[in-house]
């Protein structure tokens, strides 16, 4: 009975860890995509809206 409880707890913990890892990877990928879109995309609508910000940062080439 005790071994069964320990096995279920270990399995549940491993599943949670994997899920948290996947969630972190997905979150970072989405955050990176949003930052790239905001700061580096040549798409005119986004570029024009954030033009002043791109120049204010000095490290992001604009034109």
N, C-alpha and C. Protein backbone atom coordinates (compact mmCIF):
# COMPACT_ATOMS: atom_id res chain seq x y z
N UNK A 1 0.82 -1.19 0.00
CA UNK A 1 0.00 0.00 0.00
C UNK A 1 0.87 1.26 0.00
N UNK A 2 1.91 1.28 0.85
CA UNK A 2 2.79 2.45 0.93
C UNK A 2 3.56 2.60 -0.37
N UNK A 3 4.05 1.50 -0.92
CA UNK A 3 4.81 1.57 -2.17
C UNK A 3 3.92 2.07 -3.30
N UNK A 4 2.67 1.65 -3.31
CA UNK A 4 1.75 2.10 -4.34
C UNK A 4 1.52 3.61 -4.24
N UNK A 5 1.37 4.12 -3.04
CA UNK A 5 1.18 5.56 -2.83
C UNK A 5 2.42 6.32 -3.28
N UNK A 6 3.61 5.82 -2.94
CA UNK A 6 4.85 6.47 -3.33
C UNK A 6 5.01 6.47 -4.85
N UNK A 7 4.63 5.38 -5.49
CA UNK A 7 4.72 5.30 -6.95
C UNK A 7 3.77 6.30 -7.61
N UNK A 8 2.55 6.38 -7.10
CA UNK A 8 1.59 7.33 -7.66
C UNK A 8 2.06 8.77 -7.46
N UNK A 9 2.62 9.06 -6.29
CA UNK A 9 3.11 10.41 -6.01
C UNK A 9 4.28 10.76 -6.91
N UNK A 10 5.20 9.84 -7.11
CA UNK A 10 6.35 10.08 -7.99
C UNK A 10 5.91 10.28 -9.43
N UNK A 11 4.95 9.48 -9.87
CA UNK A 11 4.45 9.61 -11.23
C UNK A 11 3.75 10.95 -11.41
N UNK A 12 2.93 11.33 -10.44
CA UNK A 12 2.23 12.60 -10.52
C UNK A 12 3.22 13.77 -10.51
N UNK A 13 4.26 13.69 -9.71
CA UNK A 13 5.28 14.73 -9.66
C UNK A 13 6.03 14.83 -10.98
N UNK A 14 6.37 13.71 -11.58
CA UNK A 14 7.06 13.73 -12.87
C UNK A 14 6.17 14.34 -13.95
N UNK A 15 4.89 14.02 -13.91
CA UNK A 15 3.96 14.58 -14.89
C UNK A 15 3.84 16.08 -14.72
N UNK A 16 3.77 16.55 -13.50
CA UNK A 16 3.68 17.99 -13.25
C UNK A 16 4.95 18.68 -13.73
N UNK A 17 6.10 18.10 -13.48
CA UNK A 17 7.35 18.69 -13.91
C UNK A 17 7.42 18.79 -15.42
N UNK A 18 7.02 17.77 -16.10
CA UNK A 18 7.03 17.80 -17.56
C UNK A 18 6.07 18.87 -18.06
N UNK A 19 4.89 18.94 -17.47
CA UNK A 19 3.92 19.93 -17.89
C UNK A 19 4.43 21.34 -17.64
N UNK A 20 5.07 21.59 -16.51
CA UNK A 20 5.61 22.91 -16.22
C UNK A 20 6.73 23.26 -17.20
N UNK A 21 7.54 22.29 -17.55
CA UNK A 21 8.61 22.52 -18.51
C UNK A 21 8.04 22.88 -19.88
N UNK A 22 7.05 22.14 -20.30
CA UNK A 22 6.43 22.43 -21.59
C UNK A 22 5.76 23.79 -21.56
N UNK A 23 5.10 24.12 -20.46
CA UNK A 23 4.46 25.42 -20.34
C UNK A 23 5.48 26.54 -20.40
N UNK A 24 6.61 26.36 -19.74
CA UNK A 24 7.66 27.38 -19.76
C UNK A 24 8.22 27.56 -21.17
N UNK A 25 8.44 26.47 -21.88
CA UNK A 25 8.95 26.56 -23.24
C UNK A 25 7.95 27.27 -24.15
N UNK A 26 6.69 26.93 -24.04
CA UNK A 26 5.67 27.56 -24.86
C UNK A 26 5.57 29.05 -24.52
N UNK A 27 5.58 29.38 -23.25
CA UNK A 27 5.51 30.78 -22.83
C UNK A 27 6.70 31.58 -23.37
N UNK A 28 7.90 31.04 -23.24
CA UNK A 28 9.08 31.75 -23.73
C UNK A 28 9.07 31.88 -25.25
N UNK A 29 8.56 30.88 -25.94
CA UNK A 29 8.47 30.96 -27.40
C UNK A 29 7.49 32.06 -27.82
N UNK A 30 6.36 32.13 -27.15
CA UNK A 30 5.38 33.16 -27.48
C UNK A 30 5.92 34.54 -27.12
N UNK A 31 6.57 34.66 -25.96
CA UNK A 31 7.15 35.95 -25.57
C UNK A 31 8.23 36.38 -26.57
N UNK A 32 9.05 35.46 -27.01
CA UNK A 32 10.07 35.77 -28.01
C UNK A 32 9.47 36.20 -29.32
N UNK A 33 8.41 35.53 -29.74
CA UNK A 33 7.74 35.89 -30.99
C UNK A 33 7.12 37.28 -30.90
N UNK A 34 6.52 37.59 -29.77
CA UNK A 34 5.92 38.92 -29.59
C UNK A 34 7.01 39.99 -29.60
N UNK A 35 8.11 39.75 -28.88
CA UNK A 35 9.20 40.73 -28.87
C UNK A 35 9.80 40.92 -30.26
N UNK A 36 10.00 39.82 -30.99
CA UNK A 36 10.53 39.95 -32.34
C UNK A 36 9.57 40.75 -33.22
N UNK A 37 8.29 40.44 -33.10
CA UNK A 37 7.30 41.16 -33.89
C UNK A 37 7.30 42.64 -33.56
N UNK A 38 7.41 42.97 -32.30
CA UNK A 38 7.40 44.37 -31.89
C UNK A 38 8.66 45.11 -32.32
N UNK A 39 9.80 44.46 -32.24
CA UNK A 39 11.06 45.19 -32.38
C UNK A 39 11.79 44.97 -33.70
N UNK A 40 11.59 43.87 -34.37
CA UNK A 40 12.41 43.56 -35.54
C UNK A 40 11.65 43.33 -36.84
N UNK A 41 10.35 43.22 -36.78
CA UNK A 41 9.62 42.89 -37.99
C UNK A 41 9.60 44.07 -38.98
N UNK A 42 9.71 43.78 -40.25
CA UNK A 42 9.61 44.84 -41.25
C UNK A 42 8.16 45.11 -41.67
N UNK A 43 7.20 44.40 -41.08
CA UNK A 43 5.79 44.59 -41.42
C UNK A 43 5.39 46.03 -41.12
N UNK A 44 4.89 46.74 -42.11
CA UNK A 44 4.71 48.20 -42.05
C UNK A 44 3.80 48.66 -40.92
N UNK A 45 2.70 47.99 -40.68
CA UNK A 45 1.77 48.45 -39.63
C UNK A 45 2.40 48.38 -38.25
N UNK A 46 3.11 47.32 -37.97
CA UNK A 46 3.77 47.19 -36.67
C UNK A 46 4.97 48.12 -36.61
N UNK A 47 5.75 48.19 -37.68
CA UNK A 47 6.93 49.04 -37.72
C UNK A 47 6.57 50.50 -37.48
N UNK A 48 5.55 50.99 -38.14
CA UNK A 48 5.17 52.39 -38.01
C UNK A 48 4.65 52.70 -36.61
N UNK A 49 3.90 51.78 -36.03
CA UNK A 49 3.35 52.01 -34.70
C UNK A 49 4.44 52.06 -33.63
N UNK A 50 5.51 51.30 -33.81
CA UNK A 50 6.57 51.22 -32.80
C UNK A 50 7.86 51.89 -33.27
N UNK A 51 7.77 52.75 -34.26
CA UNK A 51 8.96 53.38 -34.84
C UNK A 51 9.74 54.19 -33.80
N UNK A 52 9.05 54.98 -33.02
CA UNK A 52 9.73 55.80 -32.01
C UNK A 52 10.41 54.92 -30.96
N UNK A 53 9.78 53.86 -30.57
CA UNK A 53 10.38 52.95 -29.60
C UNK A 53 11.65 52.32 -30.15
N UNK A 54 11.62 51.92 -31.39
CA UNK A 54 12.80 51.30 -32.01
C UNK A 54 13.96 52.28 -32.03
N UNK A 55 13.70 53.55 -32.32
CA UNK A 55 14.76 54.55 -32.32
C UNK A 55 15.23 54.87 -30.91
N UNK A 56 14.33 54.84 -29.95
CA UNK A 56 14.69 55.17 -28.58
C UNK A 56 15.60 54.11 -27.97
N UNK A 57 15.54 52.90 -28.42
CA UNK A 57 16.36 51.83 -27.87
C UNK A 57 17.79 51.86 -28.42
N UNK A 58 18.05 52.50 -29.50
CA UNK A 58 19.37 52.71 -30.11
C UNK A 58 20.07 51.44 -30.58
N UNK A 59 19.72 50.30 -30.10
CA UNK A 59 20.43 49.07 -30.50
C UNK A 59 19.69 48.29 -31.57
N UNK A 60 18.47 48.72 -31.89
CA UNK A 60 17.66 48.01 -32.86
C UNK A 60 17.70 48.78 -34.17
N UNK A 61 18.28 48.20 -35.21
CA UNK A 61 18.34 48.92 -36.48
C UNK A 61 16.94 49.12 -37.06
N UNK A 62 16.74 50.28 -37.59
CA UNK A 62 15.43 50.59 -38.10
C UNK A 62 15.47 50.77 -39.61
N UNK A 63 16.38 51.61 -40.09
CA UNK A 63 16.51 51.85 -41.53
C UNK A 63 17.89 52.34 -41.84
